[in-house]
């Protein structure tokens, strides 16, 4: 089976994480028990996840001309990601997100977008000369770039997958959007529609609200450890999440979205099968504790299915 060539449009940044007992008061000082840097960004996470699962992964983003940019590009290349369209902006710093973690609480985040805020239409146009089989758009790019993605995907007649990141300003441009799948998590659903998807009726209302704003073949609601709600404008279905140990603050969004996109393409656009496969990938990701190292390979997915006797038949290994 030939590899799927998937273009990811999203941010690349360094994440600087500090673990604290508590935040100091204004003008005060405290000591961090632990601090470290990691590659981050929605584009980075999705491109890595796709590459691990066997896709030919390309990334479109913008970085500065600092040491962080060089480290990030080296990391992406080590993950077999095509970085030709990760452009460098002279005189700017690479995006940085500072994450302050207090005990078991979810971290507070402070983002300096840096060069990432300067991604433009020319960058998008250049990335589409790769003639991908599909494109994945994250809403952490500058909203002004999104129309170019919609236009180029339509011109090349390739499926476009829009993965919301809770950005209200991005949601405001959705009436211009036509895509294969639009997906959002619980927080994003509430932010964009004002609806808490707590039951079937509310999930349907949320899907209808999205359908009024976006021309999507499928709406996929990611409901955490409850599972996934699918709607195509006529019918709905629900895929349960696997029962795995819960880790406070763990987000499986990128693991799910990447697996969903890849299997949707491999299966000939079978949305239910794609969600079932994505649920398996999320279970493995959560079991491994999350983070970039937890994204599973295709081989790990096959072994997990066999070991747990899951009724899911994998296709041929991609070459």
Protein backbone atom coordinates (compact mmCIF):
# COMPACT_ATOMS: atom_id res chain seq x y z
CA UNK A 1 0.00 0.00 0.00
CA UNK A 2 1.36 3.43 -0.99
CA UNK A 3 1.92 5.95 1.80
CA UNK A 4 -0.59 8.78 2.18
CA UNK A 5 1.09 12.15 1.64
CA UNK A 6 -0.44 14.53 4.19
CA UNK A 7 0.29 18.25 4.52
CA UNK A 8 -0.11 19.68 8.03
CA UNK A 9 -0.55 23.45 8.43
CA UNK A 10 0.04 24.45 12.04
CA UNK A 11 2.40 25.96 14.56
CA UNK A 12 5.92 24.91 15.54
CA UNK A 13 7.20 26.20 18.86
CA UNK A 14 9.33 25.51 21.89
CA UNK A 15 7.50 24.69 25.11
CA UNK A 16 9.27 25.82 28.29
CA UNK A 17 7.72 23.98 31.22
CA UNK A 18 8.19 24.90 34.89
CA UNK A 19 6.82 22.80 37.76
CA UNK A 20 5.96 24.81 40.88
CA UNK A 21 4.40 24.26 44.28
CA UNK A 22 2.50 27.52 43.85
CA UNK A 23 2.69 30.77 41.91
CA UNK A 24 4.30 33.70 43.76
CA UNK A 25 2.31 36.85 44.56
CA UNK A 26 2.88 40.00 42.51
CA UNK A 27 6.46 41.11 43.06
CA UNK A 28 7.31 37.84 44.77
CA UNK A 29 9.62 34.99 43.86
CA UNK A 30 9.43 31.23 44.08
CA UNK A 31 11.65 28.33 43.08
CA UNK A 32 10.84 25.82 40.40
CA UNK A 33 11.30 22.18 41.33
CA UNK A 34 11.88 21.22 37.71
CA UNK A 35 12.07 22.95 34.33
CA UNK A 36 12.64 21.65 30.81
CA UNK A 37 12.06 22.43 27.13
CA UNK A 38 10.22 20.32 24.58
CA UNK A 39 9.22 20.65 20.91
CA UNK A 40 5.60 21.77 20.70
CA UNK A 41 2.87 23.30 18.60
CA UNK A 42 -0.21 21.83 16.96
CA UNK A 43 1.63 21.35 13.67
CA UNK A 44 4.53 19.58 15.34
CA UNK A 45 2.31 17.20 17.31
CA UNK A 46 0.13 16.23 14.34
CA UNK A 47 3.03 15.83 11.91
CA UNK A 48 4.88 13.57 14.38
CA UNK A 49 1.79 11.48 15.09
CA UNK A 50 1.10 10.98 11.37
CA UNK A 51 4.70 10.07 10.60
CA UNK A 52 4.80 7.49 13.41
CA UNK A 53 1.63 5.86 12.05
CA UNK A 54 3.18 5.51 8.61
CA UNK A 55 2.12 8.60 6.67
CA UNK A 56 4.39 10.68 4.48
CA UNK A 57 4.14 13.77 6.68
CA UNK A 58 4.82 17.33 5.47
CA UNK A 59 4.66 20.44 7.63
CA UNK A 60 3.95 24.07 6.75
CA UNK A 61 4.89 26.58 9.44
CA UNK A 62 7.26 29.46 10.18
CA UNK A 63 10.12 29.75 12.68
CA UNK A 64 12.72 32.35 13.59
CA UNK A 65 16.46 32.30 12.93
CA UNK A 66 17.44 31.38 16.49
CA UNK A 67 18.91 28.20 18.05
CA UNK A 68 15.40 27.03 19.00
CA UNK A 69 14.47 26.89 15.31
CA UNK A 70 17.48 24.77 14.45
CA UNK A 71 16.75 22.36 17.31
CA UNK A 72 13.11 22.08 16.30
CA UNK A 73 13.94 21.40 12.65
CA UNK A 74 16.51 18.78 13.63
CA UNK A 75 13.89 17.07 15.77
CA UNK A 76 11.30 17.11 12.98
CA UNK A 77 13.78 15.64 10.51
CA UNK A 78 14.63 12.90 13.02
CA UNK A 79 10.92 12.02 12.99
CA UNK A 80 11.03 11.69 9.18
CA UNK A 81 8.97 14.82 8.58
CA UNK A 82 9.42 16.84 5.40
CA UNK A 83 10.38 20.34 6.62
CA UNK A 84 10.87 22.04 3.24
CA UNK A 85 7.88 24.28 4.01
CA UNK A 86 8.92 25.24 7.53
CA UNK A 87 10.28 28.62 6.51
CA UNK A 88 12.68 30.86 8.44
CA UNK A 89 11.97 34.52 9.19
CA UNK A 90 15.14 36.52 9.71
CA UNK A 91 15.30 38.79 12.74
CA UNK A 92 12.44 37.06 14.58
CA UNK A 93 12.36 34.57 17.42
CA UNK A 94 10.69 31.18 17.15
CA UNK A 95 7.35 30.86 18.95
CA UNK A 96 7.65 30.10 22.66
CA UNK A 97 5.01 28.85 25.07
CA UNK A 98 5.72 29.00 28.80
CA UNK A 99 3.73 26.43 30.80
CA UNK A 100 3.50 26.85 34.58
CA UNK A 101 2.38 23.70 36.37
CA UNK A 102 1.21 23.78 39.98
CA UNK A 103 1.09 20.27 41.42
CA UNK A 104 -1.50 18.12 39.64
CA UNK A 105 -3.39 21.08 38.19
CA UNK A 106 -3.42 21.72 34.45
CA UNK A 107 -0.73 24.24 33.56
CA UNK A 108 -1.15 27.94 32.93
CA UNK A 109 0.06 28.86 29.47
CA UNK A 110 1.69 32.02 28.15
CA UNK A 111 2.32 32.16 24.40
CA UNK A 112 4.64 34.41 22.44
CA UNK A 113 3.79 33.62 18.81
CA UNK A 114 7.00 35.11 17.41
CA UNK A 115 7.69 34.16 13.79
CA UNK A 116 4.64 31.89 13.78
CA UNK A 117 2.39 34.96 13.69
CA UNK A 118 3.99 35.94 10.37
CA UNK A 119 2.95 32.86 8.40
CA UNK A 120 1.34 34.21 5.23
CA UNK A 121 -0.49 33.24 2.05
CA UNK A 122 2.75 32.88 0.11
CA UNK A 123 3.94 30.22 2.58
CA UNK A 124 0.66 28.34 2.16
CA UNK A 125 0.80 28.49 -1.63
CA UNK A 126 4.37 27.20 -1.68
CA UNK A 127 3.48 24.21 0.52
CA UNK A 128 0.74 23.09 -1.86
CA UNK A 129 3.25 22.57 -4.68
CA UNK A 130 3.97 19.28 -2.89
CA UNK A 131 0.58 18.05 -4.25
CA UNK A 132 -0.47 16.26 -1.06
CA UNK A 133 -3.19 13.62 -0.86
CA UNK A 134 -4.84 15.62 1.92
CA UNK A 135 -4.32 18.67 4.13
CA UNK A 136 -4.84 19.13 7.86
CA UNK A 137 -5.48 22.69 9.05
CA UNK A 138 -5.04 23.72 12.67
CA UNK A 139 -6.59 26.91 14.00
CA UNK A 140 -3.40 28.05 15.75
CA UNK A 141 -2.17 29.62 12.50
CA UNK A 142 -2.99 33.27 11.71
CA UNK A 143 -6.66 33.34 10.59
CA UNK A 144 -5.72 35.40 7.51
CA UNK A 145 -3.97 32.30 6.11
CA UNK A 146 -7.00 30.02 6.31
CA UNK A 147 -8.79 31.21 3.12
CA UNK A 148 -5.69 30.32 1.08
CA UNK A 149 -5.78 26.78 2.50
CA UNK A 150 -9.48 26.42 1.62
CA UNK A 151 -8.91 27.77 -1.89
CA UNK A 152 -5.88 25.62 -2.69
CA UNK A 153 -7.38 22.42 -1.30
CA UNK A 154 -10.48 23.00 -3.43
CA UNK A 155 -8.40 23.81 -6.53
CA UNK A 156 -6.39 20.59 -6.14
CA UNK A 157 -9.53 18.65 -5.20
CA UNK A 158 -7.96 17.15 -2.09
CA UNK A 159 -9.76 16.50 1.20
CA UNK A 160 -9.27 19.15 3.88
CA UNK A 161 -9.53 18.34 7.58
CA UNK A 162 -10.10 21.25 9.98
CA UNK A 163 -9.04 20.65 13.60
CA UNK A 164 -10.35 23.35 15.91
CA UNK A 165 -8.23 24.60 18.78
CA UNK A 166 -10.83 26.67 20.56
CA UNK A 167 -9.90 29.90 18.81
CA UNK A 168 -12.95 32.16 18.61
CA UNK A 169 -11.31 34.42 16.03
CA UNK A 170 -10.68 31.38 13.84
CA UNK A 171 -14.27 30.20 14.32
CA UNK A 172 -15.46 33.54 12.93
CA UNK A 173 -14.11 32.66 9.46
CA UNK A 174 -15.76 29.22 9.30
CA UNK A 175 -18.55 30.39 6.97
CA UNK A 176 -15.83 30.51 4.29
CA UNK A 177 -14.86 26.89 4.97
CA UNK A 178 -15.63 23.73 3.03
CA UNK A 179 -13.95 20.62 4.38
CA UNK A 180 -14.14 16.85 4.63
CA UNK A 181 -14.18 16.65 8.44
CA UNK A 182 -14.44 19.29 11.14
CA UNK A 183 -13.48 18.14 14.63
CA UNK A 184 -13.63 19.83 18.04
CA UNK A 185 -13.19 18.81 21.67
CA UNK A 186 -15.51 19.58 24.59
CA UNK A 187 -13.88 22.88 25.50
CA UNK A 188 -13.85 24.03 21.89
CA UNK A 189 -17.50 23.04 21.43
CA UNK A 190 -18.51 25.18 24.40
CA UNK A 191 -16.32 28.10 23.30
CA UNK A 192 -17.64 28.13 19.73
CA UNK A 193 -21.30 27.17 20.20
CA UNK A 194 -22.12 27.87 23.85
CA UNK A 195 -23.32 24.27 24.18
CA UNK A 196 -21.99 21.77 26.70
CA UNK A 197 -22.11 18.36 24.91
CA UNK A 198 -23.21 16.45 28.01
CA UNK A 199 -25.70 14.09 26.33
CA UNK A 200 -26.93 12.94 22.91
CA UNK A 201 -29.38 15.80 22.50
CA UNK A 202 -26.80 18.45 23.28
CA UNK A 203 -24.26 16.77 21.00
CA UNK A 204 -26.78 16.96 18.17
CA UNK A 205 -27.44 20.63 18.90
CA UNK A 206 -23.70 21.33 18.85
CA UNK A 207 -23.33 19.52 15.52
CA UNK A 208 -26.23 21.48 14.05
CA UNK A 209 -24.63 24.73 15.23
CA UNK A 210 -21.38 23.78 13.50
CA UNK A 211 -23.23 22.72 10.34
CA UNK A 212 -24.77 26.19 10.14
CA UNK A 213 -21.29 27.71 10.09
CA UNK A 214 -19.23 25.25 8.07
CA UNK A 215 -19.73 23.04 5.01
CA UNK A 216 -18.34 19.81 6.41
CA UNK A 217 -18.97 16.28 5.24
CA UNK A 218 -18.67 15.08 8.85
CA UNK A 219 -18.63 16.68 12.27
CA UNK A 220 -16.66 14.75 14.89
CA UNK A 221 -17.03 15.75 18.54
CA UNK A 222 -14.25 14.56 20.83
CA UNK A 223 -15.79 13.92 24.25
CA UNK A 224 -12.79 12.89 26.33
CA UNK A 225 -13.04 9.54 28.08
CA UNK A 226 -16.69 9.22 27.01
CA UNK A 227 -15.86 8.73 23.35
CA UNK A 228 -16.66 10.34 20.00
CA UNK A 229 -19.89 11.63 18.45
CA UNK A 230 -20.10 11.53 14.63
CA UNK A 231 -22.63 13.39 12.48
CA UNK A 232 -22.89 13.69 8.69
CA UNK A 233 -25.88 16.01 8.44
CA UNK A 234 -28.37 13.14 8.43
CA UNK A 235 -27.21 10.29 10.66
CA UNK A 236 -25.19 10.14 13.83
CA UNK A 237 -23.23 7.42 15.59
CA UNK A 238 -21.16 7.11 18.74
CA UNK A 239 -17.77 5.42 19.23
CA UNK A 240 -16.82 4.60 22.82
CA UNK A 241 -13.37 5.41 24.16
CA UNK A 242 -11.28 2.58 25.59
CA UNK A 243 -11.04 2.27 29.36
CA UNK A 244 -7.51 3.34 30.27
CA UNK A 245 -6.02 4.89 33.43
CA UNK A 246 -6.96 8.57 33.57
CA UNK A 247 -4.08 11.05 33.74
CA UNK A 248 -4.99 14.58 34.94
CA UNK A 249 -4.57 17.15 32.19
CA UNK A 250 -3.76 14.59 29.48
CA UNK A 251 -5.03 15.64 26.04
CA UNK A 252 -5.36 13.01 23.31
CA UNK A 253 -6.63 15.41 20.63
CA UNK A 254 -3.63 15.18 18.30
CA UNK A 255 -3.38 11.41 18.62
CA UNK A 256 -7.06 11.08 17.72
CA UNK A 257 -7.09 13.63 14.89
CA UNK A 258 -3.98 12.24 13.19
CA UNK A 259 -5.20 8.66 13.34
CA UNK A 260 -8.66 9.72 12.16
CA UNK A 261 -7.29 11.51 9.10
CA UNK A 262 -4.91 8.74 8.10
CA UNK A 263 -7.36 5.86 8.46
CA UNK A 264 -10.14 7.86 6.77
CA UNK A 265 -7.92 8.16 3.70
CA UNK A 266 -6.65 4.57 3.83
CA UNK A 267 -10.14 3.09 4.23
CA UNK A 268 -11.72 4.93 1.33
CA UNK A 269 -13.47 7.52 3.55
CA UNK A 270 -15.06 5.14 6.05
CA UNK A 271 -15.66 7.61 8.90
CA UNK A 272 -16.80 5.03 11.46
CA UNK A 273 -13.78 2.79 10.85
CA UNK A 274 -11.51 5.85 11.02
CA UNK A 275 -12.93 6.81 14.43
CA UNK A 276 -12.59 3.25 15.71
CA UNK A 277 -8.95 3.21 14.66
CA UNK A 278 -8.38 6.65 16.22
CA UNK A 279 -9.89 5.44 19.51
CA UNK A 280 -7.35 2.60 19.56
CA UNK A 281 -4.47 5.01 18.93
CA UNK A 282 -5.72 7.27 21.75
CA UNK A 283 -5.82 4.31 24.15
CA UNK A 284 -2.18 3.49 23.38
CA UNK A 285 -1.15 7.15 23.67
CA UNK A 286 -2.83 7.47 27.08
CA UNK A 287 -1.40 4.16 28.30
CA UNK A 288 2.11 5.44 27.47
CA UNK A 289 1.51 8.59 29.51
CA UNK A 290 1.15 11.18 26.75
CA UNK A 291 3.70 13.54 25.24
CA UNK A 292 5.57 13.31 21.95
CA UNK A 293 7.22 10.01 22.87
CA UNK A 294 3.81 8.40 23.43
CA UNK A 295 2.58 8.67 19.83
CA UNK A 296 2.47 5.03 18.70
CA UNK A 297 3.95 3.52 15.58
CA UNK A 298 1.90 1.44 13.15
CA UNK A 299 3.57 -1.67 14.57
CA UNK A 300 2.53 -0.75 18.12
CA UNK A 301 -1.06 -0.30 17.01
CA UNK A 302 -1.10 -3.72 15.35
CA UNK A 303 0.36 -5.39 18.44
CA UNK A 304 -2.14 -3.64 20.72
CA UNK A 305 -5.05 -4.83 18.57
CA UNK A 306 -3.78 -8.40 18.57
CA UNK A 307 -2.92 -8.47 22.29
CA UNK A 308 -6.33 -7.11 23.32
CA UNK A 309 -8.24 -9.21 20.74
CA UNK A 310 -9.92 -6.14 19.25
CA UNK A 311 -12.19 -6.80 16.30
CA UNK A 312 -10.36 -4.45 13.93
CA UNK A 313 -8.52 -5.70 10.88
CA UNK A 314 -5.56 -3.53 9.86
CA UNK A 315 -4.73 -3.02 6.22
CA UNK A 316 -1.41 -3.71 4.50
CA UNK A 317 1.74 -2.10 5.82
CA UNK A 318 2.42 1.15 3.96
CA UNK A 319 5.64 1.37 2.00
